[in-house]
Amino acid sequence: MPRLLLSALLLTALLLPATAAAGSTRTGRHGDTTASAAAAAAASARRVRTQRAASARLAARDPAGLATTLAERYWSAVPCGGQLAVLTAQPLPAGSDATTDGWVTFESPLGANDLQAPASTYTACTISLARWQWPTRARQAADWNMFCLTVVHELGHLLGHPHSLAPGSVMAAVFTDEQNVPAICRENRGLVEAGAGLTGVR
C-alpha cells in the first residue's frame, strides 16, 4: 500500500508540470492571438493615417484628383481600364443644356458616347467638369460636396450605371441639393477646404 501511494504521488508530481506546461501553451497561444490582433489593429490604423495624409496632400494640389480617387473607392471599381482623364474648367459642348456641370465622353464598339455599349468596352474615357460651375480650384473646394458628387456620378456612367429615379441616388439625373452627396465626399470636405485655405467656410 505505501508503494502504491508513493507511485501515485510520484505520477502526480510528474504529470503536474506537463499539465502546467500545456496550460501555459494554451495561454501563450491566446496571448499570441491577442498580440496578433493588436498588431493587425495597429497596422490598420497606420494604413488609415497614411491614406488620410496622402488624401490631404492630393486635396491641397488637385481637388479633381481627390474626387476621382474617392469616386473609385465609392464604386470599388476603376473604369476604362484605368485610362481616364478628368478635365476641369471645360467649356460646354455645343448644344448642351446651359446648366450642365459635368459630362463623360468615351469610345465604344457601338460608337462614341453610346451608353448602351458594355462599360467594359469603353476606351478614351474623359470626365469633363464645366468652367461656368467650377472655374478654379478654389471654387471646386468651396463647392466640394457638389463637385465630388458630380465626379462620383460621371464615373458611375463610365462604369455603366444609368440615371436613377431612386431618392438619394448618386445617379440621379439632376441634383437640386446635397441630399445625394455620398458620405465619402462629405468626410473629405475638411481636407479640401484646408488645402484651399477655406477652413471654417461653409
Protein backbone atom coordinates (compact mmCIF):
# COMPACT_ATOMS: atom_id res chain seq x y z
CA MET A 1 0.00 0.00 0.00
CA PRO A 2 2.77 2.51 0.80
CA ARG A 3 4.31 1.64 -2.57
CA LEU A 4 1.01 2.31 -4.35
CA LEU A 5 0.64 5.64 -2.54
CA LEU A 6 4.23 6.57 -3.36
CA SER A 7 3.70 5.61 -7.03
CA ALA A 8 0.52 7.72 -7.22
CA LEU A 9 2.29 10.66 -5.61
CA LEU A 10 5.26 10.31 -7.97
CA LEU A 11 2.96 10.05 -11.00
CA THR A 12 1.08 13.16 -9.90
CA ALA A 13 4.35 15.02 -9.44
CA LEU A 14 5.47 14.04 -12.94
CA LEU A 15 2.17 14.92 -14.63
CA LEU A 16 1.64 18.26 -12.86
CA PRO A 17 4.46 20.09 -14.72
CA ALA A 18 3.24 18.64 -18.04
CA THR A 19 -0.30 19.86 -17.33
CA ALA A 20 1.02 23.27 -16.29
CA ALA A 21 3.15 23.44 -19.44
CA ALA A 22 0.15 22.51 -21.59
CA GLY A 23 -1.86 25.21 -19.85
CA SER A 24 0.83 27.78 -20.45
CA THR A 25 0.97 26.77 -24.11
CA ARG A 26 -2.74 27.47 -24.39
CA THR A 27 -2.24 30.76 -22.64
CA GLY A 28 0.67 31.51 -24.93
CA ARG A 29 -1.44 30.81 -27.99
CA HIS A 30 -4.20 33.04 -26.63
CA GLY A 31 -1.59 35.68 -25.87
CA ASP A 32 -0.22 35.28 -29.40
CA THR A 33 -3.74 35.72 -30.80
CA THR A 34 -4.20 38.84 -28.71
CA ALA A 35 -0.81 40.13 -29.80
CA SER A 36 -1.62 39.34 -33.44
CA ALA A 37 -4.94 41.15 -33.18
CA ALA A 38 -3.22 44.16 -31.62
CA ALA A 39 -0.57 44.14 -34.35
CA ALA A 40 -3.24 43.92 -37.06
CA ALA A 41 -5.18 46.80 -35.48
CA ALA A 42 -2.01 48.90 -35.29
CA ALA A 43 -1.19 48.14 -38.94
CA SER A 44 -4.73 49.06 -39.96
CA ALA A 45 -4.51 52.35 -38.04
CA ARG A 46 -1.18 53.11 -39.77
CA ARG A 47 -2.77 52.42 -43.18
CA VAL A 48 -5.67 54.76 -42.38
CA ARG A 49 -3.27 57.52 -41.23
CA THR A 50 -1.13 57.05 -44.35
CA GLN A 51 -4.17 57.11 -46.61
CA ARG A 52 -5.52 60.21 -44.86
CA ALA A 53 -2.16 62.00 -45.22
CA ALA A 54 -1.99 61.11 -48.93
CA SER A 55 -5.56 62.37 -49.39
CA ALA A 56 -4.66 65.63 -47.65
CA ARG A 57 -1.68 66.17 -49.96
CA LEU A 58 -3.82 65.41 -53.01
CA ALA A 59 -6.64 67.68 -51.79
CA ALA A 60 -4.23 70.59 -51.47
CA ARG A 61 -2.92 70.38 -55.02
CA ASP A 62 -5.70 68.69 -57.03
CA PRO A 63 -9.34 68.54 -55.83
CA ALA A 64 -10.35 66.80 -59.08
CA GLY A 65 -7.74 64.09 -58.48
CA LEU A 66 -9.01 63.55 -54.95
CA ALA A 67 -12.64 63.47 -56.15
CA THR A 68 -11.67 60.84 -58.75
CA THR A 69 -9.89 58.71 -56.14
CA LEU A 70 -12.91 58.95 -53.84
CA ALA A 71 -15.29 58.07 -56.70
CA GLU A 72 -13.24 54.94 -57.46
CA ARG A 73 -13.42 54.00 -53.78
CA TYR A 74 -17.15 54.70 -53.71
CA TRP A 75 -17.80 52.35 -56.63
CA SER A 76 -14.98 49.94 -55.68
CA ALA A 77 -14.02 49.98 -59.34
CA VAL A 78 -11.85 51.82 -61.84
CA PRO A 79 -13.46 52.47 -65.25
CA CYS A 80 -11.92 52.27 -68.69
CA GLY A 81 -9.07 50.00 -67.65
CA GLY A 82 -7.66 52.87 -65.58
CA GLN A 83 -7.27 55.06 -68.67
CA LEU A 84 -9.33 58.06 -67.57
CA ALA A 85 -8.77 61.80 -67.94
CA VAL A 86 -10.60 64.24 -65.68
CA LEU A 87 -10.68 67.74 -67.16
CA THR A 88 -11.73 70.78 -65.17
CA ALA A 89 -12.86 74.27 -66.24
CA GLN A 90 -14.14 72.98 -69.58
CA PRO A 91 -16.44 74.96 -71.91
CA LEU A 92 -19.83 73.37 -72.50
CA PRO A 93 -20.10 71.33 -75.70
CA ALA A 94 -22.21 72.91 -78.42
CA GLY A 95 -25.88 72.13 -77.97
CA SER A 96 -25.58 71.30 -74.26
CA ASP A 97 -28.08 72.48 -71.69
CA ALA A 98 -26.71 75.64 -70.08
CA THR A 99 -26.97 74.04 -66.60
CA THR A 100 -24.82 71.01 -67.47
CA ASP A 101 -21.95 70.88 -65.00
CA GLY A 102 -20.36 67.53 -65.88
CA TRP A 103 -20.34 65.01 -68.72
CA VAL A 104 -18.46 62.00 -69.99
CA THR A 105 -17.04 61.13 -73.38
CA PHE A 106 -15.70 57.77 -74.50
CA GLU A 107 -15.36 55.45 -77.45
CA SER A 108 -17.17 52.11 -77.65
CA PRO A 109 -17.84 49.41 -80.27
CA LEU A 110 -21.33 50.93 -80.70
CA GLY A 111 -19.92 54.41 -81.34
CA ALA A 112 -18.86 57.46 -79.42
CA ASN A 113 -20.60 58.02 -76.07
CA ASP A 114 -23.11 55.19 -76.57
CA LEU A 115 -24.17 54.17 -73.06
CA GLN A 116 -25.81 51.03 -74.48
CA ALA A 117 -22.37 49.51 -75.06
CA PRO A 118 -20.94 47.38 -72.26
CA ALA A 119 -18.90 49.63 -69.94
CA SER A 120 -16.03 47.14 -70.09
CA THR A 121 -15.55 48.13 -73.75
CA TYR A 122 -15.18 51.89 -73.15
CA THR A 123 -11.90 53.48 -74.19
CA ALA A 124 -10.57 57.06 -74.45
CA CYS A 125 -12.63 57.99 -71.38
CA THR A 126 -12.94 61.57 -70.17
CA ILE A 127 -14.90 63.25 -67.41
CA SER A 128 -15.31 66.96 -68.12
CA LEU A 129 -16.36 69.48 -65.48
CA ALA A 130 -17.87 72.79 -66.56
CA ARG A 131 -15.98 76.06 -66.35
CA TRP A 132 -19.17 78.00 -65.56
CA GLN A 133 -19.68 75.97 -62.37
CA TRP A 134 -16.10 75.34 -61.18
CA PRO A 135 -13.68 77.72 -62.95
CA THR A 136 -10.90 77.44 -60.35
CA ARG A 137 -9.55 75.07 -57.69
CA ALA A 138 -10.76 77.50 -55.05
CA ARG A 139 -14.29 77.23 -56.44
CA GLN A 140 -14.01 73.41 -56.56
CA ALA A 141 -13.01 73.42 -52.90
CA ALA A 142 -15.72 75.91 -51.87
CA ASP A 143 -18.41 73.79 -53.59
CA TRP A 144 -16.70 70.50 -52.70
CA ASN A 145 -19.74 68.36 -51.88
CA MET A 146 -21.43 69.01 -55.24
CA PHE A 147 -18.12 68.87 -57.11
CA CYS A 148 -17.26 65.48 -55.60
CA LEU A 149 -20.82 64.20 -56.14
CA THR A 150 -20.61 65.17 -59.82
CA VAL A 151 -17.35 63.25 -60.26
CA VAL A 152 -18.85 60.19 -58.49
CA HIS A 153 -21.90 60.46 -60.78
CA GLU A 154 -19.93 60.78 -64.01
CA LEU A 155 -17.55 57.98 -63.05
CA GLY A 156 -20.68 55.88 -62.40
CA HIS A 157 -21.69 56.40 -66.04
CA LEU A 158 -18.27 55.16 -67.17
CA LEU A 159 -18.91 52.02 -65.12
CA GLY A 160 -22.22 51.50 -66.94
CA HIS A 161 -24.65 52.97 -64.41
CA PRO A 162 -27.60 54.82 -65.99
CA HIS A 163 -29.55 57.67 -64.40
CA SER A 164 -31.71 56.60 -61.47
CA LEU A 165 -35.01 57.80 -60.04
CA ALA A 166 -34.20 56.33 -56.60
CA PRO A 167 -34.29 59.00 -53.88
CA GLY A 168 -30.81 60.00 -52.74
CA SER A 169 -29.06 58.15 -55.58
CA VAL A 170 -25.73 59.49 -56.81
CA MET A 171 -27.03 58.58 -60.28
CA ALA A 172 -30.00 60.99 -60.19
CA ALA A 173 -30.21 62.96 -63.44
CA VAL A 174 -30.44 66.30 -61.61
CA PHE A 175 -29.20 67.38 -58.19
CA THR A 176 -31.08 70.21 -56.55
CA ASP A 177 -29.50 69.97 -53.11
CA GLU A 178 -26.86 67.99 -51.24
CA GLN A 179 -29.05 65.04 -50.17
CA ASN A 180 -27.35 62.82 -52.77
CA VAL A 181 -23.78 63.62 -51.67
CA PRO A 182 -22.13 60.35 -50.58
CA ALA A 183 -20.51 60.12 -47.16
CA ILE A 184 -17.06 59.60 -48.71
CA CYS A 185 -17.28 63.11 -50.21
CA ARG A 186 -18.59 64.73 -47.01
CA GLU A 187 -15.87 63.05 -44.93
CA ASN A 188 -13.13 64.62 -47.05
CA ARG A 189 -14.55 68.15 -47.31
CA GLY A 190 -12.35 69.43 -44.48
CA LEU A 191 -9.20 68.22 -46.25
CA VAL A 192 -10.14 70.07 -49.43
CA GLU A 193 -11.09 73.24 -47.59
CA ALA A 194 -7.87 73.18 -45.58
CA GLY A 195 -5.84 72.64 -48.76
CA ALA A 196 -7.53 75.65 -50.35
CA GLY A 197 -7.23 77.78 -47.21
CA LEU A 198 -11.01 77.73 -46.72
CA THR A 199 -11.16 76.01 -43.32
CA GLY A 200 -14.18 77.20 -41.40
CA VAL A 201 -16.00 78.42 -44.54
CA ARG A 202 -19.35 76.72 -45.22
